[in-house]
Amino acid sequence: MTEIIFLVEEDPEGGYVARAIGESIFTQGETLAELREMVRDAVQCHFEDEQRPKLIRLHIVRDEVIAS
């Protein structure tokens, strides 16, 4: 595996949550900087060195509602 993708959303209770697509990895952080660290740590814990993806992609999704 060369890349793993995380879907990142704002948590209604504050901060951010990230879920890996195709893997059972979930983590959260108060800021995007903290979330990046937590994602890196989660990937390192989930995969052995030989199987660890070389790239981590964060797909940040944000809903915005505006009045018409």
N, C-alpha and C. Protein backbone atom coordinates (compact mmCIF):
# COMPACT_ATOMS: atom_id res chain seq x y z
N MET A 1 0.86 -1.18 0.00
CA MET A 1 0.00 0.00 0.00
C MET A 1 0.90 1.24 0.00
N THR A 2 0.64 2.14 -0.92
CA THR A 2 1.46 3.35 -0.98
C THR A 2 0.79 4.55 -0.32
N GLU A 3 -0.54 4.49 -0.19
CA GLU A 3 -1.26 5.65 0.34
C GLU A 3 -2.48 5.19 1.15
N ILE A 4 -2.78 5.93 2.21
CA ILE A 4 -4.00 5.71 2.97
C ILE A 4 -4.73 7.04 3.04
N ILE A 5 -6.06 6.99 2.92
CA ILE A 5 -6.87 8.21 2.90
C ILE A 5 -7.74 8.25 4.15
N PHE A 6 -7.75 9.41 4.80
CA PHE A 6 -8.61 9.64 5.95
C PHE A 6 -9.65 10.69 5.60
N LEU A 7 -10.88 10.43 5.98
CA LEU A 7 -11.96 11.38 5.85
C LEU A 7 -11.99 12.18 7.16
N VAL A 8 -11.81 13.49 7.08
CA VAL A 8 -11.73 14.35 8.26
C VAL A 8 -12.97 15.25 8.28
N GLU A 9 -13.63 15.27 9.44
CA GLU A 9 -14.81 16.11 9.62
C GLU A 9 -14.70 16.87 10.93
N GLU A 10 -15.36 18.00 11.00
CA GLU A 10 -15.44 18.73 12.26
C GLU A 10 -16.37 17.96 13.20
N ASP A 11 -15.96 17.83 14.45
CA ASP A 11 -16.77 17.16 15.45
C ASP A 11 -17.76 18.16 16.02
N PRO A 12 -19.05 17.84 16.09
CA PRO A 12 -20.03 18.78 16.64
C PRO A 12 -19.71 19.21 18.07
N GLU A 13 -18.98 18.37 18.80
CA GLU A 13 -18.61 18.71 20.17
C GLU A 13 -17.29 19.46 20.26
N GLY A 14 -16.68 19.76 19.12
CA GLY A 14 -15.42 20.48 19.07
C GLY A 14 -14.29 19.61 18.55
N GLY A 15 -13.36 20.22 17.87
CA GLY A 15 -12.23 19.50 17.31
C GLY A 15 -12.57 18.80 16.00
N TYR A 16 -11.79 17.77 15.70
CA TYR A 16 -11.92 17.06 14.42
C TYR A 16 -11.85 15.56 14.66
N VAL A 17 -12.50 14.81 13.78
CA VAL A 17 -12.42 13.35 13.79
C VAL A 17 -11.93 12.89 12.42
N ALA A 18 -11.18 11.80 12.40
CA ALA A 18 -10.65 11.25 11.15
C ALA A 18 -10.90 9.75 11.12
N ARG A 19 -11.40 9.27 9.98
CA ARG A 19 -11.65 7.85 9.78
C ARG A 19 -10.95 7.41 8.50
N ALA A 20 -10.20 6.32 8.59
CA ALA A 20 -9.51 5.80 7.42
C ALA A 20 -10.51 5.12 6.50
N ILE A 21 -10.32 5.28 5.23
CA ILE A 21 -11.16 4.62 4.24
C ILE A 21 -10.53 3.25 3.94
N GLY A 22 -11.29 2.20 4.20
CA GLY A 22 -10.81 0.84 3.91
C GLY A 22 -10.02 0.20 5.02
N GLU A 23 -9.82 0.88 6.13
CA GLU A 23 -9.12 0.33 7.29
C GLU A 23 -9.90 0.70 8.54
N SER A 24 -9.68 -0.05 9.60
CA SER A 24 -10.37 0.21 10.87
C SER A 24 -9.53 1.14 11.75
N ILE A 25 -9.36 2.37 11.27
CA ILE A 25 -8.57 3.35 12.03
C ILE A 25 -9.44 4.59 12.23
N PHE A 26 -9.53 5.02 13.47
CA PHE A 26 -10.31 6.21 13.85
C PHE A 26 -9.51 6.98 14.88
N THR A 27 -9.45 8.30 14.75
CA THR A 27 -8.78 9.13 15.75
C THR A 27 -9.38 10.51 15.75
N GLN A 28 -8.99 11.32 16.72
CA GLN A 28 -9.52 12.68 16.82
C GLN A 28 -8.47 13.61 17.42
N GLY A 29 -8.69 14.91 17.23
CA GLY A 29 -7.80 15.92 17.78
C GLY A 29 -8.53 17.24 17.94
N GLU A 30 -8.06 18.07 18.83
CA GLU A 30 -8.69 19.37 19.07
C GLU A 30 -8.42 20.37 17.95
N THR A 31 -7.23 20.29 17.35
CA THR A 31 -6.85 21.18 16.25
C THR A 31 -6.42 20.32 15.07
N LEU A 32 -6.30 20.93 13.89
CA LEU A 32 -5.82 20.16 12.73
C LEU A 32 -4.39 19.71 12.93
N ALA A 33 -3.57 20.54 13.57
CA ALA A 33 -2.18 20.15 13.85
C ALA A 33 -2.14 18.92 14.76
N GLU A 34 -2.95 18.92 15.81
CA GLU A 34 -3.01 17.78 16.72
C GLU A 34 -3.56 16.55 16.00
N LEU A 35 -4.56 16.75 15.15
CA LEU A 35 -5.13 15.63 14.41
C LEU A 35 -4.09 14.99 13.50
N ARG A 36 -3.27 15.79 12.85
CA ARG A 36 -2.22 15.24 11.98
C ARG A 36 -1.28 14.32 12.78
N GLU A 37 -0.89 14.77 13.96
CA GLU A 37 -0.03 13.95 14.82
C GLU A 37 -0.73 12.65 15.22
N MET A 38 -2.01 12.76 15.58
CA MET A 38 -2.77 11.58 16.01
C MET A 38 -2.95 10.59 14.85
N VAL A 39 -3.17 11.10 13.64
CA VAL A 39 -3.31 10.23 12.46
C VAL A 39 -2.00 9.50 12.21
N ARG A 40 -0.88 10.22 12.24
CA ARG A 40 0.42 9.58 12.04
C ARG A 40 0.65 8.47 13.06
N ASP A 41 0.35 8.77 14.32
CA ASP A 41 0.53 7.80 15.39
C ASP A 41 -0.37 6.57 15.18
N ALA A 42 -1.62 6.81 14.80
CA ALA A 42 -2.57 5.71 14.58
C ALA A 42 -2.10 4.81 13.43
N VAL A 43 -1.60 5.40 12.36
CA VAL A 43 -1.11 4.62 11.22
C VAL A 43 0.10 3.80 11.63
N GLN A 44 1.01 4.40 12.39
CA GLN A 44 2.20 3.67 12.84
C GLN A 44 1.83 2.50 13.74
N CYS A 45 0.81 2.68 14.59
CA CYS A 45 0.37 1.60 15.48
C CYS A 45 -0.38 0.50 14.73
N HIS A 46 -1.08 0.86 13.66
CA HIS A 46 -1.93 -0.09 12.93
C HIS A 46 -1.13 -1.00 12.00
N PHE A 47 -0.07 -0.49 11.39
CA PHE A 47 0.68 -1.23 10.38
C PHE A 47 2.08 -1.59 10.86
N GLU A 48 2.56 -2.74 10.42
CA GLU A 48 3.97 -3.10 10.60
C GLU A 48 4.80 -2.23 9.66
N ASP A 49 6.08 -2.09 9.94
CA ASP A 49 6.95 -1.21 9.14
C ASP A 49 6.89 -1.53 7.64
N GLU A 50 6.91 -2.81 7.30
CA GLU A 50 6.94 -3.21 5.88
C GLU A 50 5.62 -2.90 5.17
N GLN A 51 4.52 -2.87 5.91
CA GLN A 51 3.20 -2.69 5.30
C GLN A 51 2.69 -1.25 5.40
N ARG A 52 3.38 -0.42 6.15
CA ARG A 52 2.91 0.95 6.40
C ARG A 52 2.89 1.76 5.10
N PRO A 53 1.78 2.47 4.83
CA PRO A 53 1.71 3.32 3.64
C PRO A 53 2.75 4.44 3.72
N LYS A 54 3.25 4.83 2.56
CA LYS A 54 4.26 5.89 2.50
C LYS A 54 3.61 7.27 2.61
N LEU A 55 2.36 7.38 2.18
CA LEU A 55 1.65 8.67 2.20
C LEU A 55 0.35 8.55 2.97
N ILE A 56 0.02 9.63 3.68
CA ILE A 56 -1.27 9.74 4.37
C ILE A 56 -1.96 10.95 3.78
N ARG A 57 -3.14 10.74 3.23
CA ARG A 57 -3.92 11.84 2.64
C ARG A 57 -5.10 12.14 3.56
N LEU A 58 -5.24 13.42 3.91
CA LEU A 58 -6.38 13.86 4.72
C LEU A 58 -7.37 14.57 3.80
N HIS A 59 -8.53 13.99 3.67
CA HIS A 59 -9.61 14.59 2.87
C HIS A 59 -10.53 15.31 3.86
N ILE A 60 -10.40 16.63 3.91
CA ILE A 60 -11.13 17.43 4.90
C ILE A 60 -12.47 17.86 4.32
N VAL A 61 -13.56 17.44 5.00
CA VAL A 61 -14.91 17.73 4.56
C VAL A 61 -15.53 18.71 5.53
N ARG A 62 -16.12 19.75 5.01
CA ARG A 62 -16.75 20.75 5.87
C ARG A 62 -18.09 21.14 5.27
N ASP A 63 -19.14 20.98 6.06
CA ASP A 63 -20.46 21.41 5.62
C ASP A 63 -20.65 22.87 5.99
N GLU A 64 -21.18 23.61 5.06
CA GLU A 64 -21.48 25.01 5.32
C GLU A 64 -22.90 25.29 4.83
N VAL A 65 -23.71 25.84 5.69
CA VAL A 65 -25.09 26.13 5.34
C VAL A 65 -25.25 27.66 5.28
N ILE A 66 -25.84 28.12 4.18
CA ILE A 66 -26.09 29.56 4.03
C ILE A 66 -27.56 29.78 3.71
N ALA A 67 -28.05 30.94 4.09
CA ALA A 67 -29.45 31.28 3.79
C ALA A 67 -29.59 31.62 2.31
N SER A 68 -30.72 31.29 1.75
CA SER A 68 -30.92 31.59 0.31
C SER A 68 -31.55 32.94 0.12
